Amino acid sequence: MKHVLLCDRTLCRHSGTYSFKEKIEIARQLENLAVDAVELPVIENVRTDVLLARTVSSFVRRSVLSVDAGGTMEGIENAAAALSSAAHGRIRISLPVSVVGMEYGYHKKAPQMKAWIAALVRKAKEYCADVEFCALDATRAEEGFLPEAAKTAVEAGAATVTVCDSEGVMLPDAFCAFLRAFLQDAALPETVRIGVMCSDSNGLAAASAVMAVQLGANVVKTSCGGEVTDLGTFGNILKNCGNSCGMESGLQLTKLGRTLSQIKRLNDGVVALSQTESAEAESAVRFDAKDTQETVSAAVRKLGYDLSVEDENRVYEEFLRVVGKKTVGIKELEAIVASAALQVPSTYKLDTYVVNTGNVFASSAQIKLIKDGKEISGIAMGDGPIDAAFMTIEQIVGKHYELDDFQIQAVTEGKEAMASTIVRLREGGKLYSGNGLSTDIVGAGIRAYINALNKIVYEEEAR
């Protein structure tokens, strides 16, 4: 049975992704899950990043704590300082081995890069017994250079060599053929651990990693979400297929689901925060009568709309009418696009709708539309009244459209306030927005959806 070491890179995501407290909590969860290594990124802020590593060191006692030194001598010194109190420390030397990466990132050709790899690994060994060499962009290295770089790192003292598919365009079979050739040409000692970091840009990283382990790799880089092999996916493969695939690990599989859910909640919080920050940034953008049509049209394109010259003219005319009374923000501009651009004949017209919802049964909607003078109706259930209504419309027209956005705004006050809704549908990579107005939010949403739908149908029939 092949023992697989899992080195998790969740905390190597962009430095602004998590707060200090969230990073500590994620590291604690990964330690409880018994991953083999908790990886930290390059030290950028010496004060805070070193403090984080030392704080994490106080409770990460079973797993290895691994810090990236990047490709500089200063990075090695910072990593060593961060690992000063770690029970099991590791320094990673991460350098590109592709021609583009070497020359543009470090202004070095192959012979110079080999010498630099050797110098950095030897320097790191002075501070830490466990050193790893990560060959970035390995799948684009010139023939013969990757094995030479790996042997150079091992001769200088690296205990682990990780091959990184940074480009992420290789399918599992191609990646394994590449890895097989590397292992044969490098002929590294059996004592050297071979790692793989597979890009998950195509959703196939777990498959590539499993096949790599069967070829001889014994280290897999994972992450809870992110761009490399998903820890949950790979863990479930070990749980369900480990015996048949001849693989095992020290991962606490019984804790996997619960622990990943806790980390996911932190990830969801990050998404919510970024959406809030984005909304705040949008609310700060205002347009007034001094803004030209070119400025307004550019803002509309930034929202994702591809309008004709005629529609851009209509939008600007409506913008000038509205801006005479007040300044216009992003949301108001979107409402102007929905109401003024691409006004088309109504292929579908709303006749009646009945929506049932509550907290003890699933929401359902029954809608009747008119098309070419004929009644067509449908009924569907959904997660809430709006979802049920939209699913019913999709059932009627026989096609699913991607809902890009749904907005609700009160345009009058009081118990009988009118609600204005905007629905953005995406079809064929293009955005179509519809506007609806009603005292009933659900009714406004239905009208907005049909408005956007009619624009899609009109363009499809015009092609």
Protein backbone atom coordinates (compact mmCIF):
# COMPACT_ATOMS: atom_id res chain seq x y z
CA MET A 1 0.00 0.00 0.00
CA LYS A 2 1.48 3.33 -1.11
CA HIS A 3 1.52 6.00 1.66
CA VAL A 4 0.67 9.45 0.27
CA LEU A 5 1.79 12.63 2.02
CA LEU A 6 -0.69 15.52 1.72
CA CYS A 7 0.73 19.05 1.89
CA ASP A 8 -2.08 21.59 2.09
CA ARG A 9 -1.73 25.03 0.50
CA THR A 10 -5.01 26.63 1.61
CA LEU A 11 -3.11 29.37 3.45
CA CYS A 12 -1.00 30.11 0.35
CA ARG A 13 -3.89 31.87 -1.34
CA HIS A 14 -3.65 35.63 -1.84
CA SER A 15 -2.38 37.36 1.31
CA GLY A 16 -5.52 39.46 1.60
CA THR A 17 -7.87 36.50 1.43
CA TYR A 18 -8.05 35.71 5.16
CA SER A 19 -7.70 37.72 8.35
CA PHE A 20 -5.00 36.87 10.89
CA LYS A 21 -7.59 35.12 13.08
CA GLU A 22 -9.01 33.13 10.16
CA LYS A 23 -5.55 31.92 9.14
CA ILE A 24 -4.95 30.62 12.65
CA GLU A 25 -8.32 28.83 12.65
CA ILE A 26 -7.64 27.21 9.26
CA ALA A 27 -4.21 26.04 10.41
CA ARG A 28 -5.82 24.57 13.55
CA GLN A 29 -8.39 22.70 11.46
CA LEU A 30 -5.73 21.33 9.11
CA GLU A 31 -3.68 20.11 12.08
CA ASN A 32 -6.78 18.37 13.48
CA LEU A 33 -7.34 16.80 10.08
CA ALA A 34 -3.75 15.47 10.24
CA VAL A 35 -2.50 16.74 6.90
CA ASP A 36 1.21 15.98 6.58
CA ALA A 37 2.21 19.60 6.05
CA VAL A 38 0.58 23.01 6.50
CA GLU A 39 2.12 25.31 3.91
CA LEU A 40 2.55 29.07 4.32
CA PRO A 41 3.42 31.51 1.51
CA VAL A 42 6.51 33.69 1.11
CA ILE A 43 7.04 36.09 4.02
CA GLU A 44 6.03 39.51 2.69
CA ASN A 45 5.40 41.47 5.87
CA VAL A 46 8.17 40.35 8.23
CA ARG A 47 6.39 41.57 11.33
CA THR A 48 2.93 40.04 10.80
CA ASP A 49 3.83 36.98 8.70
CA VAL A 50 6.57 35.83 11.07
CA LEU A 51 4.22 36.38 14.01
CA LEU A 52 1.58 34.26 12.26
CA ALA A 53 4.02 31.41 11.65
CA ARG A 54 5.21 31.46 15.25
CA THR A 55 1.64 31.52 16.54
CA VAL A 56 0.71 28.59 14.32
CA SER A 57 3.84 26.76 15.51
CA SER A 58 2.42 26.70 19.04
CA PHE A 59 -0.31 24.20 18.08
CA VAL A 60 0.84 22.65 14.77
CA ARG A 61 2.96 19.98 16.41
CA ARG A 62 2.21 16.84 14.40
CA SER A 63 2.11 18.31 10.90
CA VAL A 64 5.15 19.84 9.25
CA LEU A 65 4.99 23.64 9.04
CA SER A 66 6.37 24.62 5.65
CA VAL A 67 7.30 28.18 4.65
CA ASP A 68 8.06 29.29 1.10
CA ALA A 69 11.36 31.14 0.73
CA GLY A 70 10.66 31.95 -2.90
CA GLY A 71 13.90 32.32 -4.81
CA THR A 72 15.97 34.75 -2.73
CA MET A 73 18.52 34.59 0.09
CA GLU A 74 16.45 37.10 2.06
CA GLY A 75 13.44 34.86 1.68
CA ILE A 76 15.39 31.98 3.24
CA GLU A 77 16.35 34.09 6.26
CA ASN A 78 12.74 35.21 6.74
CA ALA A 79 11.47 31.64 6.45
CA ALA A 80 14.03 30.45 9.00
CA ALA A 81 12.95 33.17 11.42
CA ALA A 82 9.31 32.19 10.97
CA LEU A 83 10.10 28.52 11.69
CA SER A 84 12.27 29.18 14.75
CA SER A 85 9.75 27.59 17.13
CA ALA A 86 8.20 24.97 14.81
CA ALA A 87 8.19 21.35 15.97
CA HIS A 88 8.76 20.19 12.39
CA GLY A 89 9.87 22.91 9.99
CA ARG A 90 10.47 22.89 6.25
CA ILE A 91 11.78 25.55 3.88
CA ARG A 92 10.55 25.51 0.31
CA ILE A 93 12.71 26.87 -2.53
CA SER A 94 10.33 27.73 -5.37
CA LEU A 95 11.87 28.62 -8.72
CA PRO A 96 10.68 28.50 -12.33
CA VAL A 97 12.31 26.04 -14.71
CA SER A 98 10.70 27.25 -17.96
CA VAL A 99 12.69 29.56 -20.22
CA VAL A 100 10.10 32.34 -19.89
CA GLY A 101 9.95 32.06 -16.10
CA MET A 102 13.73 31.98 -15.66
CA GLU A 103 14.55 34.84 -17.99
CA TYR A 104 11.68 37.21 -17.22
CA GLY A 105 11.34 36.43 -13.53
CA TYR A 106 15.01 36.07 -12.58
CA HIS A 107 16.97 37.18 -15.66
CA LYS A 108 18.82 33.85 -15.70
CA LYS A 109 19.49 31.25 -18.34
CA ALA A 110 19.57 27.52 -17.62
CA PRO A 111 23.22 27.23 -16.36
CA GLN A 112 22.80 30.27 -14.09
CA MET A 113 19.52 28.96 -12.73
CA LYS A 114 21.08 25.59 -11.88
CA ALA A 115 23.81 27.36 -9.92
CA TRP A 116 21.22 29.51 -8.17
CA ILE A 117 19.14 26.46 -7.21
CA ALA A 118 22.21 24.84 -5.67
CA ALA A 119 23.15 28.00 -3.76
CA LEU A 120 19.67 28.53 -2.33
CA VAL A 121 19.18 24.92 -1.26
CA ARG A 122 22.58 24.85 0.45
CA LYS A 123 21.76 28.12 2.22
CA ALA A 124 18.38 26.78 3.37
CA LYS A 125 20.05 23.61 4.70
CA GLU A 126 22.11 25.78 7.05
CA TYR A 127 18.90 26.80 8.80
CA CYS A 128 16.62 23.77 8.36
CA ALA A 129 17.28 20.07 7.85
CA ASP A 130 14.13 19.63 5.73
CA VAL A 131 14.33 21.50 2.41
CA GLU A 132 12.02 21.14 -0.56
CA PHE A 133 12.65 22.25 -4.14
CA CYS A 134 9.52 23.23 -6.08
CA ALA A 135 10.03 23.33 -9.85
CA LEU A 136 7.49 25.91 -10.99
CA ASP A 137 6.08 25.78 -14.52
CA ALA A 138 7.77 22.40 -14.90
CA THR A 139 5.64 21.19 -17.81
CA ARG A 140 7.04 24.00 -19.99
CA ALA A 141 10.72 23.39 -19.19
CA GLU A 142 13.05 22.75 -22.10
CA GLU A 143 13.79 19.08 -22.70
CA GLY A 144 16.41 17.80 -20.31
CA PHE A 145 16.55 20.82 -18.01
CA LEU A 146 13.98 19.72 -15.41
CA PRO A 147 15.84 16.47 -14.55
CA GLU A 148 19.11 18.43 -14.30
CA ALA A 149 17.52 21.03 -12.02
CA ALA A 150 16.06 18.32 -9.80
CA LYS A 151 19.38 16.47 -9.51
CA THR A 152 21.12 19.75 -8.70
CA ALA A 153 18.66 20.45 -5.88
CA VAL A 154 19.03 16.94 -4.44
CA GLU A 155 22.82 17.07 -4.57
CA ALA A 156 22.64 20.38 -2.65
CA GLY A 157 20.51 18.77 0.06
CA ALA A 158 16.82 18.88 -0.97
CA ALA A 159 14.81 16.02 0.52
CA THR A 160 11.72 16.65 -1.64
CA VAL A 161 11.39 17.63 -5.29
CA THR A 162 7.95 18.82 -6.39
CA VAL A 163 6.96 19.09 -10.04
CA CYS A 164 4.40 21.85 -10.60
CA ASP A 165 1.97 21.88 -13.51
CA SER A 166 1.54 25.65 -13.29
CA GLU A 167 0.12 26.02 -16.80
CA GLY A 168 -2.72 23.56 -16.14
CA VAL A 169 -3.38 22.57 -19.76
CA MET A 170 -2.27 18.91 -19.57
CA LEU A 171 -4.90 16.21 -19.27
CA PRO A 172 -4.12 13.41 -16.75
CA ASP A 173 -2.70 11.02 -19.36
CA ALA A 174 -0.38 13.67 -20.78
CA PHE A 175 0.75 14.80 -17.33
CA CYS A 176 1.55 11.24 -16.34
CA ALA A 177 3.52 10.66 -19.53
CA PHE A 178 5.47 13.81 -18.72
CA LEU A 179 6.06 12.67 -15.11
CA ARG A 180 7.14 9.20 -16.21
CA ALA A 181 9.77 10.68 -18.53
CA PHE A 182 10.99 12.99 -15.77
CA LEU A 183 11.36 10.17 -13.24
CA GLN A 184 13.29 8.05 -15.73
CA ASP A 185 15.63 10.87 -16.79
CA ALA A 186 16.23 12.25 -13.27
CA ALA A 187 16.77 8.83 -11.67
CA LEU A 188 16.66 10.38 -8.19
CA PRO A 189 17.56 8.31 -5.10
CA GLU A 190 14.68 6.38 -3.52
CA THR A 191 15.10 8.43 -0.34
CA VAL A 192 13.98 11.59 -2.17
CA ARG A 193 10.29 12.36 -1.94
CA ILE A 194 8.62 13.17 -5.28
CA GLY A 195 5.77 15.65 -5.12
CA VAL A 196 3.20 16.88 -7.63
CA MET A 197 1.24 20.11 -7.65
CA CYS A 198 -1.49 19.80 -10.26
CA SER A 199 -3.48 22.79 -11.45
CA ASP A 200 -7.24 22.31 -11.13
CA SER A 201 -8.14 24.80 -13.87
CA ASN A 202 -9.92 22.01 -15.77
CA GLY A 203 -11.26 20.17 -12.72
CA LEU A 204 -8.96 17.19 -13.34
CA ALA A 205 -6.23 17.80 -10.76
CA ALA A 206 -7.37 14.94 -8.49
CA ALA A 207 -7.27 12.48 -11.39
CA SER A 208 -3.79 13.65 -12.37
CA ALA A 209 -2.61 13.35 -8.76
CA VAL A 210 -3.95 9.80 -8.35
CA MET A 211 -2.25 8.65 -11.55
CA ALA A 212 0.97 10.42 -10.49
CA VAL A 213 0.99 8.54 -7.18
CA GLN A 214 0.55 5.26 -9.02
CA LEU A 215 3.59 6.20 -11.13
CA GLY A 216 5.80 6.89 -8.13
CA ALA A 217 4.98 10.27 -6.62
CA ASN A 218 4.42 10.19 -2.87
CA VAL A 219 3.58 13.85 -2.12
CA VAL A 220 0.43 15.63 -3.33
CA LYS A 221 -0.19 19.36 -2.91
CA THR A 222 -3.81 20.06 -1.96
CA SER A 223 -6.00 23.00 -1.03
CA CYS A 224 -9.47 23.59 0.40
CA GLY A 225 -10.73 25.33 -2.72
CA GLY A 226 -8.26 27.28 -4.80
CA GLU A 227 -6.26 26.34 -7.88
CA VAL A 228 -4.68 22.96 -7.05
CA THR A 229 -5.95 19.47 -6.16
CA ASP A 230 -8.95 19.84 -3.88
CA LEU A 231 -8.35 18.29 -0.45
CA GLY A 232 -11.95 17.14 -0.10
CA THR A 233 -11.98 15.48 -3.52
CA PHE A 234 -8.66 13.72 -3.01
CA GLY A 235 -9.63 12.70 0.53
CA ASN A 236 -12.85 11.14 -0.73
CA ILE A 237 -10.89 9.25 -3.38
CA LEU A 238 -8.68 7.84 -0.64
CA LYS A 239 -11.75 6.97 1.43
CA ASN A 240 -13.73 5.32 -1.35
CA CYS A 241 -11.04 3.95 -3.67
CA GLY A 242 -7.86 3.84 -1.57
CA ASN A 243 -7.77 0.06 -1.26
CA SER A 244 -8.44 -0.58 -4.94
CA CYS A 245 -5.91 2.10 -5.96
CA GLY A 246 -3.29 0.89 -3.48
CA MET A 247 -3.11 4.25 -1.64
CA GLU A 248 -3.39 5.36 1.97
CA SER A 249 -2.63 8.45 4.03
CA GLY A 250 -2.69 9.67 7.61
CA LEU A 251 -5.63 11.98 6.87
CA GLN A 252 -8.44 11.76 9.43
CA LEU A 253 -11.10 10.77 6.91
CA THR A 254 -13.86 10.55 9.52
CA LYS A 255 -13.34 14.25 10.28
CA LEU A 256 -12.97 15.30 6.65
CA GLY A 257 -16.52 16.45 5.89
CA ARG A 258 -17.04 18.35 9.13
CA THR A 259 -13.62 20.04 9.02
CA LEU A 260 -13.94 21.09 5.38
CA SER A 261 -17.39 22.53 6.12
CA GLN A 262 -15.85 24.70 8.84
CA ILE A 263 -13.14 25.92 6.47
CA LYS A 264 -15.73 26.48 3.75
CA ARG A 265 -17.66 28.77 6.07
CA LEU A 266 -14.54 30.90 6.36
CA ASN A 267 -14.21 30.88 2.56
CA ASP A 268 -17.86 31.91 2.21
CA GLY A 269 -17.25 34.75 4.65
CA VAL A 270 -14.39 35.94 2.44
CA VAL A 271 -16.66 35.89 -0.62
CA ALA A 272 -19.37 37.80 1.25
CA LEU A 273 -16.81 40.37 2.39
CA SER A 274 -15.46 40.86 -1.12
CA GLN A 275 -19.01 41.29 -2.43
CA THR A 276 -19.70 43.89 0.27
CA GLU A 277 -16.50 45.74 -0.57
CA SER A 278 -17.41 45.60 -4.24
CA ALA A 279 -20.88 47.00 -3.49
CA GLU A 280 -19.36 49.80 -1.42
CA ALA A 281 -16.98 50.64 -4.25
CA GLU A 282 -19.84 50.70 -6.75
CA SER A 283 -21.95 52.92 -4.52
CA ALA A 284 -19.14 55.46 -4.50
CA VAL A 285 -19.30 55.84 -8.31
CA ARG A 286 -21.65 58.63 -9.36
CA PHE A 287 -22.43 60.20 -12.73
CA ASP A 288 -23.86 63.65 -13.40
CA ALA A 289 -24.83 65.87 -16.31
CA LYS A 290 -21.17 66.69 -17.03
CA ASP A 291 -20.42 63.09 -18.03
CA THR A 292 -20.24 62.52 -21.77
CA GLN A 293 -21.87 59.73 -23.75
CA GLU A 294 -18.45 58.12 -24.14
CA THR A 295 -18.03 57.98 -20.35
CA VAL A 296 -21.50 56.53 -19.80
CA SER A 297 -21.10 53.98 -22.61
CA ALA A 298 -17.75 52.88 -21.18
CA ALA A 299 -19.40 52.33 -17.77
CA VAL A 300 -22.16 50.30 -19.41
CA ARG A 301 -19.60 48.09 -21.18
CA LYS A 302 -17.79 47.60 -17.87
CA LEU A 303 -21.06 46.27 -16.45
CA GLY A 304 -20.89 43.58 -19.12
CA TYR A 305 -23.32 44.86 -21.76
CA ASP A 306 -22.54 44.84 -25.47
CA LEU A 307 -24.95 47.40 -26.92
CA SER A 308 -25.46 48.62 -30.44
CA VAL A 309 -24.86 52.28 -31.32
CA GLU A 310 -28.64 52.86 -31.35
CA ASP A 311 -29.06 51.39 -27.88
CA GLU A 312 -26.11 53.39 -26.55
CA ASN A 313 -27.86 56.52 -27.85
CA ARG A 314 -31.14 55.53 -26.16
CA VAL A 315 -29.37 54.82 -22.89
CA TYR A 316 -27.63 58.19 -22.95
CA GLU A 317 -30.86 60.01 -23.75
CA GLU A 318 -32.55 58.36 -20.78
CA PHE A 319 -29.47 59.05 -18.66
CA LEU A 320 -29.70 62.78 -19.46
CA ARG A 321 -33.39 62.79 -18.52
CA VAL A 322 -32.74 61.11 -15.17
CA VAL A 323 -29.54 62.97 -14.33
CA GLY A 324 -31.36 66.27 -14.59
CA LYS A 325 -33.06 65.40 -11.30
CA LYS A 326 -30.25 63.63 -9.41
CA THR A 327 -26.85 62.02 -9.78
CA VAL A 328 -26.78 58.46 -11.11
CA GLY A 329 -24.98 55.51 -9.53
CA ILE A 330 -24.19 52.05 -10.87
CA LYS A 331 -27.56 50.58 -9.86
CA GLU A 332 -29.47 53.46 -11.43
CA LEU A 333 -27.38 53.14 -14.60
CA GLU A 334 -28.22 49.44 -14.76
CA ALA A 335 -31.92 50.28 -14.42
CA ILE A 336 -31.60 52.75 -17.29
CA VAL A 337 -30.02 50.05 -19.48
CA ALA A 338 -32.81 47.62 -18.57
CA SER A 339 -35.53 50.09 -19.43
CA ALA A 340 -34.04 51.84 -22.47
CA ALA A 341 -31.79 49.39 -24.32
CA LEU A 342 -32.91 46.75 -26.77
CA GLN A 343 -36.63 47.37 -26.50
CA VAL A 344 -38.24 44.64 -28.58
CA PRO A 345 -41.69 43.27 -29.37
CA SER A 346 -43.05 41.02 -26.61
CA THR A 347 -42.87 37.42 -27.83
CA TYR A 348 -44.04 36.30 -24.39
CA LYS A 349 -46.64 38.21 -22.35
CA LEU A 350 -47.61 37.53 -18.76
CA ASP A 351 -51.24 36.51 -18.29
CA THR A 352 -51.60 35.14 -14.74
CA TYR A 353 -49.45 33.75 -11.98
CA VAL A 354 -50.07 32.02 -8.65
CA VAL A 355 -47.20 31.55 -6.20
CA ASN A 356 -47.44 29.54 -2.97
CA THR A 357 -44.77 29.77 -0.30
CA GLY A 358 -44.28 29.13 3.40
CA ASN A 359 -41.88 27.79 6.00
CA VAL A 360 -43.34 24.28 6.18
CA PHE A 361 -43.52 23.38 2.47
CA ALA A 362 -41.55 24.05 -0.70
CA SER A 363 -42.46 27.09 -2.77
CA SER A 364 -44.34 26.50 -6.01
CA ALA A 365 -45.41 28.68 -8.90
CA GLN A 366 -48.02 28.30 -11.63
CA ILE A 367 -47.66 30.80 -14.49
CA LYS A 368 -49.62 31.34 -17.69
CA LEU A 369 -48.00 33.19 -20.60
CA ILE A 370 -49.35 34.28 -23.98
CA LYS A 371 -47.33 33.58 -27.13
CA ASP A 372 -48.71 34.20 -30.63
CA GLY A 373 -52.18 34.53 -29.12
CA LYS A 374 -52.02 31.08 -27.48
CA GLU A 375 -51.94 30.33 -23.77
CA ILE A 376 -49.01 28.29 -22.48
CA SER A 377 -48.57 27.42 -18.84
CA GLY A 378 -46.31 25.57 -16.46
CA ILE A 379 -45.83 24.73 -12.80
CA ALA A 380 -42.62 24.13 -10.86
CA MET A 381 -41.21 24.06 -7.36
CA GLY A 382 -38.15 25.95 -6.19
CA ASP A 383 -36.09 27.20 -3.31
CA GLY A 384 -38.27 30.22 -2.50
CA PRO A 385 -40.98 32.02 -4.51
CA ILE A 386 -38.62 33.80 -6.92
CA ASP A 387 -36.72 30.61 -7.74
CA ALA A 388 -39.98 28.72 -8.24
CA ALA A 389 -41.29 31.44 -10.57
CA PHE A 390 -38.13 31.55 -12.68
CA MET A 391 -38.00 27.75 -12.93
CA THR A 392 -41.62 27.74 -14.10
CA ILE A 393 -40.83 30.22 -16.89
CA GLU A 394 -37.88 28.05 -17.95
CA GLN A 395 -40.19 25.04 -18.01
CA ILE A 396 -42.63 26.91 -20.25
CA VAL A 397 -40.02 28.10 -22.77
CA GLY A 398 -38.09 24.83 -22.58
CA LYS A 399 -34.69 26.36 -21.99
CA HIS A 400 -32.44 27.27 -19.06
CA TYR A 401 -30.77 30.67 -18.93
CA GLU A 402 -27.97 31.64 -16.54
CA LEU A 403 -29.23 34.15 -13.98
CA ASP A 404 -26.39 36.66 -13.68
CA ASP A 405 -28.06 39.06 -11.24
CA PHE A 406 -31.37 39.84 -9.55
CA GLN A 407 -31.95 43.21 -7.88
CA ILE A 408 -34.91 44.65 -5.97
CA GLN A 409 -35.40 48.36 -5.28
CA ALA A 410 -38.35 50.18 -3.69
CA VAL A 411 -39.29 53.18 -5.78
CA THR A 412 -42.13 54.48 -3.58
CA GLU A 413 -42.78 54.45 0.16
CA GLY A 414 -45.52 53.02 2.39
CA LYS A 415 -47.31 49.66 2.64
CA GLU A 416 -48.28 49.81 -1.03
CA ALA A 417 -44.73 50.65 -2.16
CA MET A 418 -43.86 49.86 -5.76
CA ALA A 419 -40.91 47.53 -6.26
CA SER A 420 -38.61 47.83 -9.24
CA THR A 421 -36.65 44.68 -10.11
CA ILE A 422 -33.82 44.07 -12.53
CA VAL A 423 -33.03 40.62 -13.92
CA ARG A 424 -29.83 39.96 -15.85
CA LEU A 425 -29.74 36.80 -17.95
CA ARG A 426 -26.65 35.53 -19.73
CA GLU A 427 -26.94 33.69 -23.02
CA GLY A 428 -24.08 32.90 -25.37
CA GLY A 429 -21.70 35.01 -23.29
CA LYS A 430 -23.92 38.11 -23.66
CA LEU A 431 -25.93 39.90 -20.98
CA TYR A 432 -29.60 40.78 -21.35
CA SER A 433 -31.35 42.84 -18.67
CA GLY A 434 -35.04 43.22 -17.98
CA ASN A 435 -36.96 45.58 -15.74
CA GLY A 436 -40.21 44.91 -13.86
CA LEU A 437 -42.45 47.15 -11.76
CA SER A 438 -45.15 45.98 -9.34
CA THR A 439 -46.44 46.31 -5.77
CA ASP A 440 -45.68 42.59 -5.55
CA ILE A 441 -41.96 41.73 -5.50
CA VAL A 442 -42.57 38.32 -7.06
CA GLY A 443 -44.70 39.85 -9.80
CA ALA A 444 -42.03 42.46 -10.48
CA GLY A 445 -39.41 39.71 -10.72
CA ILE A 446 -41.55 37.70 -13.15
CA ARG A 447 -42.09 40.73 -15.38
CA ALA A 448 -38.38 41.56 -15.33
CA TYR A 449 -37.45 37.98 -16.27
CA ILE A 450 -39.92 37.97 -19.17
CA ASN A 451 -38.63 41.37 -20.31
CA ALA A 452 -35.07 39.99 -20.49
CA LEU A 453 -36.29 36.75 -22.07
CA ASN A 454 -38.03 38.64 -24.88
CA LYS A 455 -34.77 40.39 -25.73
CA ILE A 456 -32.95 37.05 -26.00
CA VAL A 457 -35.69 35.52 -28.18
CA TYR A 458 -35.77 38.58 -30.45
CA GLU A 459 -32.03 38.42 -31.12
CA GLU A 460 -32.11 34.64 -31.65
CA GLU A 461 -34.88 34.96 -34.24
CA ALA A 462 -33.06 37.85 -35.96
CA ARG A 463 -29.90 35.78 -36.58
